[in-house]
C-alpha atoms as a PDB file:
ATOM      1  CA  MET A   1     -10.571  22.135 -10.794  1.00  0.00           C
ATOM      2  CA  LEU A   2      -8.946  21.543  -7.416  1.00  0.00           C
ATOM      3  CA  LEU A   3      -8.950  18.234  -5.541  1.00  0.00           C
ATOM      4  CA  ALA A   4      -8.406  18.509  -1.804  1.00  0.00           C
ATOM      5  CA  LEU A   5      -7.406  15.163  -0.330  1.00  0.00           C
ATOM      6  CA  ASP A   6      -7.112  13.917   3.221  1.00  0.00           C
ATOM      7  CA  PRO A   7      -5.172  10.736   2.429  1.00  0.00           C
ATOM      8  CA  SER A   8      -5.582   7.449   4.226  1.00  0.00           C
ATOM      9  CA  SER A   9      -5.001   3.829   3.402  1.00  0.00           C
ATOM     10  CA  ASN A  10      -8.530   2.965   4.572  1.00  0.00           C
ATOM     11  CA  ARG A  11     -10.790   5.989   3.948  1.00  0.00           C
ATOM     12  CA  CYS A  12      -9.780   9.166   2.102  1.00  0.00           C
ATOM     13  CA  GLY A  13     -11.627  12.440   2.442  1.00  0.00           C
ATOM     14  CA  VAL A  14     -12.109  14.110  -0.950  1.00  0.00           C
ATOM     15  CA  ALA A  15     -13.396  17.571  -1.829  1.00  0.00           C
ATOM     16  CA  VAL A  16     -13.572  19.067  -5.306  1.00  0.00           C
ATOM     17  CA  PHE A  17     -13.591  22.834  -5.878  1.00  0.00           C
ATOM     18  CA  LEU A  18     -14.410  24.566  -9.159  1.00  0.00           C
ATOM     19  CA  ASP A  19     -13.350  28.205  -9.441  1.00  0.00           C
ATOM     20  CA  GLY A  20     -12.852  28.273  -5.665  1.00  0.00           C
ATOM     21  CA  VAL A  21     -16.307  26.884  -4.849  1.00  0.00           C
ATOM     22  CA  LEU A  22     -16.943  23.500  -3.243  1.00  0.00           C
ATOM     23  CA  VAL A  23     -18.876  21.337  -5.718  1.00  0.00           C
ATOM     24  CA  VAL A  24     -18.652  17.888  -4.113  1.00  0.00           C
ATOM     25  CA  ALA A  25     -17.310  16.354  -0.915  1.00  0.00           C
ATOM     26  CA  ASP A  26     -17.305  12.697   0.014  1.00  0.00           C
ATOM     27  CA  HIS A  27     -15.128   9.827   1.140  1.00  0.00           C
ATOM     28  CA  VAL A  28     -13.563   6.938  -0.700  1.00  0.00           C
ATOM     29  CA  ASP A  29     -13.068   3.820   1.331  1.00  0.00           C
ATOM     30  CA  VAL A  30     -11.839   0.271   1.120  1.00  0.00           C
ATOM     31  CA  PRO A  31     -14.637  -2.222   1.736  1.00  0.00           C
ATOM     32  CA  LYS A  32     -14.322  -4.628   4.661  1.00  0.00           C
ATOM     33  CA  GLY A  33     -12.046  -7.485   3.747  1.00  0.00           C
ATOM     34  CA  GLY A  34     -10.477  -5.497   0.907  1.00  0.00           C
ATOM     35  CA  LYS A  35      -7.321  -4.432   2.729  1.00  0.00           C
ATOM     36  CA  TYR A  36      -3.857  -5.623   1.807  1.00  0.00           C
ATOM     37  CA  LYS A  37      -1.234  -6.464   4.415  1.00  0.00           C
ATOM     38  CA  CYS A  38       1.474  -4.931   2.225  1.00  0.00           C
ATOM     39  CA  PRO A  39       1.439  -1.120   2.675  1.00  0.00           C
ATOM     40  CA  MET A  40       2.585  -0.561  -0.919  1.00  0.00           C
ATOM     41  CA  ARG A  41      -0.340  -2.547  -2.300  1.00  0.00           C
ATOM     42  CA  GLN A  42      -2.722  -0.786   0.074  1.00  0.00           C
ATOM     43  CA  SER A  43      -1.480   2.643  -1.084  1.00  0.00           C
ATOM     44  CA  VAL A  44      -1.804   1.717  -4.745  1.00  0.00           C
ATOM     45  CA  ASP A  45      -5.277   0.260  -4.178  1.00  0.00           C
ATOM     46  CA  MET A  46      -6.519   3.400  -2.419  1.00  0.00           C
ATOM     47  CA  SER A  47      -4.946   5.651  -5.064  1.00  0.00           C
ATOM     48  CA  ARG A  48      -6.809   3.725  -7.764  1.00  0.00           C
ATOM     49  CA  ARG A  49     -10.079   3.958  -5.838  1.00  0.00           C
ATOM     50  CA  VAL A  50      -9.745   7.754  -5.555  1.00  0.00           C
ATOM     51  CA  PHE A  51      -8.782   8.009  -9.235  1.00  0.00           C
ATOM     52  CA  PHE A  52     -11.879   6.048 -10.299  1.00  0.00           C
ATOM     53  CA  TRP A  53     -14.070   8.134  -7.979  1.00  0.00           C
ATOM     54  CA  LEU A  54     -12.795  11.240  -9.806  1.00  0.00           C
ATOM     55  CA  GLN A  55     -13.639  10.020 -13.324  1.00  0.00           C
ATOM     56  CA  ASP A  56     -16.390  12.640 -13.761  1.00  0.00           C
ATOM     57  CA  TYR A  57     -14.060  15.513 -12.846  1.00  0.00           C
ATOM     58  CA  THR A  58     -11.168  17.110 -14.715  1.00  0.00           C
ATOM     59  CA  VAL A  59      -8.772  17.807 -11.865  1.00  0.00           C
ATOM     60  CA  THR A  60      -5.982  20.237 -12.716  1.00  0.00           C
ATOM     61  CA  GLU A  61      -4.560  20.778  -9.238  1.00  0.00           C
ATOM     62  CA  ILE A  62      -4.283  18.827  -5.989  1.00  0.00           C
ATOM     63  CA  VAL A  63      -3.690  19.836  -2.386  1.00  0.00           C
ATOM     64  CA  VAL A  64      -3.194  17.189   0.281  1.00  0.00           C
ATOM     65  CA  GLU A  65      -2.600  16.945   3.981  1.00  0.00           C
ATOM     66  CA  TRP A  66       0.960  15.663   3.988  1.00  0.00           C
ATOM     67  CA  PRO A  67       1.656  13.149   6.755  1.00  0.00           C
ATOM     68  CA  GLU A  68       3.859  14.429   9.519  1.00  0.00           C
ATOM     69  CA  ILE A  69       6.184  11.940  11.176  1.00  0.00           C
ATOM     70  CA  ARG A  70       6.249  12.858  14.848  1.00  0.00           C
ATOM     71  CA  LYS A  71       8.635  11.899  17.585  1.00  0.00           C
ATOM     72  CA  ALA A  72       7.621   8.697  19.347  1.00  0.00           C
ATOM     73  CA  ALA A  73       6.527  10.611  22.450  1.00  0.00           C
ATOM     74  CA  LYS A  74       3.945  12.628  20.486  1.00  0.00           C
ATOM     75  CA  ALA A  75       2.878   9.986  17.967  1.00  0.00           C
ATOM     76  CA  LYS A  76      -0.281   7.900  18.131  1.00  0.00           C
ATOM     77  CA  GLY A  77       0.887   4.402  17.283  1.00  0.00           C
ATOM     78  CA  SER A  78       3.834   3.654  15.041  1.00  0.00           C
ATOM     79  CA  PRO A  79       5.136   6.449  12.795  1.00  0.00           C
ATOM     80  CA  LYS A  80       5.450   3.791  10.056  1.00  0.00           C
ATOM     81  CA  HIS A  81       1.677   3.984   9.615  1.00  0.00           C
ATOM     82  CA  MET A  82       2.026   7.495   8.202  1.00  0.00           C
ATOM     83  CA  LEU A  83       4.207   6.464   5.254  1.00  0.00           C
ATOM     84  CA  PRO A  84       1.441   4.837   3.140  1.00  0.00           C
ATOM     85  CA  LEU A  85      -0.500   8.119   3.310  1.00  0.00           C
ATOM     86  CA  ALA A  86       2.266   9.832   1.340  1.00  0.00           C
ATOM     87  CA  GLY A  87       2.058   6.959  -1.136  1.00  0.00           C
ATOM     88  CA  VAL A  88      -1.679   7.498  -1.577  1.00  0.00           C
ATOM     89  CA  ALA A  89      -1.232  11.245  -2.123  1.00  0.00           C
ATOM     90  CA  ALA A  90       1.532  10.760  -4.695  1.00  0.00           C
ATOM     91  CA  GLY A  91      -0.339   7.893  -6.356  1.00  0.00           C
ATOM     92  CA  VAL A  92      -3.448  10.014  -6.854  1.00  0.00           C
ATOM     93  CA  ALA A  93      -1.433  12.908  -8.300  1.00  0.00           C
ATOM     94  CA  LEU A  94       0.378  10.558 -10.676  1.00  0.00           C
ATOM     95  CA  SER A  95      -2.808   8.781 -11.764  1.00  0.00           C
ATOM     96  CA  LEU A  96      -4.340  12.164 -12.613  1.00  0.00           C
ATOM     97  CA  GLY A  97      -1.287  13.042 -14.711  1.00  0.00           C
ATOM     98  CA  LEU A  98      -0.552  16.204 -12.732  1.00  0.00           C
ATOM     99  CA  CYS A  99       2.771  17.977 -13.091  1.00  0.00           C
ATOM    100  CA  PRO A 100       4.713  18.834  -9.909  1.00  0.00           C
ATOM    101  CA  ASP A 101       3.688  22.517 -10.066  1.00  0.00           C
ATOM    102  CA  ALA A 102       0.024  21.479  -9.719  1.00  0.00           C
ATOM    103  CA  CYS A 103       0.691  19.499  -6.533  1.00  0.00           C
ATOM    104  CA  HIS A 104       0.566  21.129  -3.106  1.00  0.00           C
ATOM    105  CA  ALA A 105       0.919  19.769   0.404  1.00  0.00           C
ATOM    106  CA  LEU A 106       0.056  21.163   3.809  1.00  0.00           C
ATOM    107  CA  LEU A 107       1.173  19.700   7.113  1.00  0.00           C
ATOM    108  CA  PRO A 108      -1.658  19.260   9.621  1.00  0.00           C
ATOM    109  CA  GLY A 109      -0.486  22.206  11.712  1.00  0.00           C
ATOM    110  CA  GLU A 110      -0.212  24.467   8.668  1.00  0.00           C
ATOM    111  CA  TRP A 111      -3.890  24.306   7.833  1.00  0.00           C
ATOM    112  CA  ALA A 112      -5.653  23.257  11.040  1.00  0.00           C
ATOM    113  CA  GLY A 113      -3.326  24.694  13.653  1.00  0.00           C
ATOM    114  CA  GLN A 114      -4.241  23.320  17.048  1.00  0.00           C
ATOM    115  CA  VAL A 115      -7.992  23.196  16.373  1.00  0.00           C
ATOM    116  CA  PRO A 116      -9.111  19.724  17.521  1.00  0.00           C
ATOM    117  CA  LYS A 117     -11.250  17.276  15.580  1.00  0.00           C
ATOM    118  CA  ASP A 118     -13.481  14.403  16.618  1.00  0.00           C
ATOM    119  CA  GLU A 119     -12.848  11.138  14.792  1.00  0.00           C
ATOM    120  CA  THR A 120     -16.157   9.550  15.750  1.00  0.00           C
ATOM    121  CA  VAL A 121     -19.025   9.623  13.263  1.00  0.00           C
ATOM    122  CA  LYS A 122     -21.379  11.065  15.898  1.00  0.00           C
ATOM    123  CA  GLY A 123     -19.030  13.861  16.897  1.00  0.00           C
ATOM    124  CA  ALA A 124     -17.344  14.655  13.587  1.00  0.00           C
ATOM    125  CA  LYS A 125     -19.574  17.646  12.728  1.00  0.00           C
ATOM    126  CA  LYS A 126     -19.597  18.960  16.307  1.00  0.00           C
ATOM    127  CA  SER A 127     -15.842  19.312  16.743  1.00  0.00           C
ATOM    128  CA  PRO A 128     -14.215  22.766  16.875  1.00  0.00           C
ATOM    129  CA  ARG A 129     -12.454  22.015  13.561  1.00  0.00           C
ATOM    130  CA  ALA A 130     -15.724  21.086  11.853  1.00  0.00           C
ATOM    131  CA  ILE A 131     -17.477  24.178  13.215  1.00  0.00           C
ATOM    132  CA  LYS A 132     -14.653  26.401  11.930  1.00  0.00           C
ATOM    133  CA  THR A 133     -14.739  24.688   8.525  1.00  0.00           C
ATOM    134  CA  LYS A 134     -18.513  24.986   8.247  1.00  0.00           C
ATOM    135  CA  SER A 135     -18.385  28.688   9.127  1.00  0.00           C
ATOM    136  CA  ARG A 136     -16.260  29.322   6.012  1.00  0.00           C
ATOM    137  CA  LEU A 137     -18.798  27.823   3.578  1.00  0.00           C
ATOM    138  CA  SER A 138     -21.316  29.702   1.441  1.00  0.00           C
ATOM    139  CA  ALA A 139     -25.046  28.917   1.502  1.00  0.00           C
ATOM    140  CA  ALA A 140     -24.706  26.761  -1.635  1.00  0.00           C
ATOM    141  CA  GLU A 141     -21.746  24.888  -0.153  1.00  0.00           C
ATOM    142  CA  LEU A 142     -23.680  24.221   3.059  1.00  0.00           C
ATOM    143  CA  ILE A 143     -26.022  22.013   1.031  1.00  0.00           C
ATOM    144  CA  ILE A 144     -23.029  19.798   0.211  1.00  0.00           C
ATOM    145  CA  TRP A 145     -21.968  19.936   3.879  1.00  0.00           C
ATOM    146  CA  GLU A 146     -25.230  18.292   4.911  1.00  0.00           C
ATOM    147  CA  GLY A 147     -24.168  15.053   3.177  1.00  0.00           C
ATOM    148  CA  VAL A 148     -20.800  14.916   4.947  1.00  0.00           C
ATOM    149  CA  LYS A 149     -20.460  12.106   7.472  1.00  0.00           C
ATOM    150  CA  TYR A 150     -16.796  11.546   8.330  1.00  0.00           C
ATOM    151  CA  HIS A 151     -13.982  13.673   9.757  1.00  0.00           C
ATOM    152  CA  ASP A 152     -11.863  12.738   6.725  1.00  0.00           C
ATOM    153  CA  THR A 153     -14.236  14.607   4.412  1.00  0.00           C
ATOM    154  CA  ILE A 154     -14.440  17.559   6.793  1.00  0.00           C
ATOM    155  CA  ASP A 155     -10.632  17.728   6.770  1.00  0.00           C
ATOM    156  CA  ALA A 156     -10.539  17.548   2.959  1.00  0.00           C
ATOM    157  CA  ILE A 157     -12.906  20.528   2.789  1.00  0.00           C
ATOM    158  CA  GLY A 158     -10.761  22.444   5.303  1.00  0.00           C
ATOM    159  CA  ILE A 159      -7.570  21.652   3.392  1.00  0.00           C
ATOM    160  CA  GLY A 160      -9.150  22.956   0.191  1.00  0.00           C
ATOM    161  CA  LEU A 161     -10.431  26.090   1.893  1.00  0.00           C
ATOM    162  CA  LYS A 162      -6.977  26.768   3.368  1.00  0.00           C
ATOM    163  CA  HIS A 163      -5.326  26.375  -0.045  1.00  0.00           C
ATOM    164  CA  LEU A 164      -7.870  28.778  -1.535  1.00  0.00           C
ATOM    165  CA  GLY A 165      -7.277  31.344   1.229  1.00  0.00           C
ATOM    166  CA  ARG A 166     -10.749  30.869   2.710  1.00  0.00           C
ATOM    167  CA  PHE A 167      -9.875  29.119   5.988  1.00  0.00           C
ATOM    168  CA  GLU A 168      -8.296  32.042   7.791  1.00  0.00           C
ATOM    169  CA  ARG A 169     -10.090  33.822  10.575  1.00  0.00           C
ATOM    170  CA  LYS A 170     -12.639  36.354   9.400  1.00  0.00           C
ATOM    171  CA  ARG A 171     -11.914  39.805  10.779  1.00  0.00           C
ATOM    172  CA  ARG A 172     -14.344  42.656  10.664  1.00  0.00           C
ATOM    173  CA  PRO A 173     -13.037  45.959   9.318  1.00  0.00           C
ATOM    174  CA  MET A 174     -12.770  48.661  11.942  1.00  0.00           C
END
């Protein structure tokens, strides 16, 4: 069972695949007022929340979007805000007892390329990235898609699809 994770210190996108098929996709968030000022505590708290969310699943492999530290000119905000995301990803893998060979990471550009996303709730499913992700899903998986609300979950699904070799462009045989 594969867990695809879009890590965050506030709201993680999670998608679980069984035998290459999406079986559940959701988000795990920190309730209002539940945030820590210390980034280490925040990372540990989010890792625990994801771990408890996964209690009904036997995860044997994880793939995450690994945070990319960009040069100040290209970064949104401080690059320091990306570091806790790595902590969340590692914390989840450790809490699940996964060995290093079962842990995989993709940089944002490696799985999504330059396909843009919309971080608003209203626009999340209308973005080019969401449309591309949705187009790769089977009829059964589209039922799960209907319950998706946030871009974090859409990204988790895309990360999982990329790891499974299902995110690439579909080409028709000539």
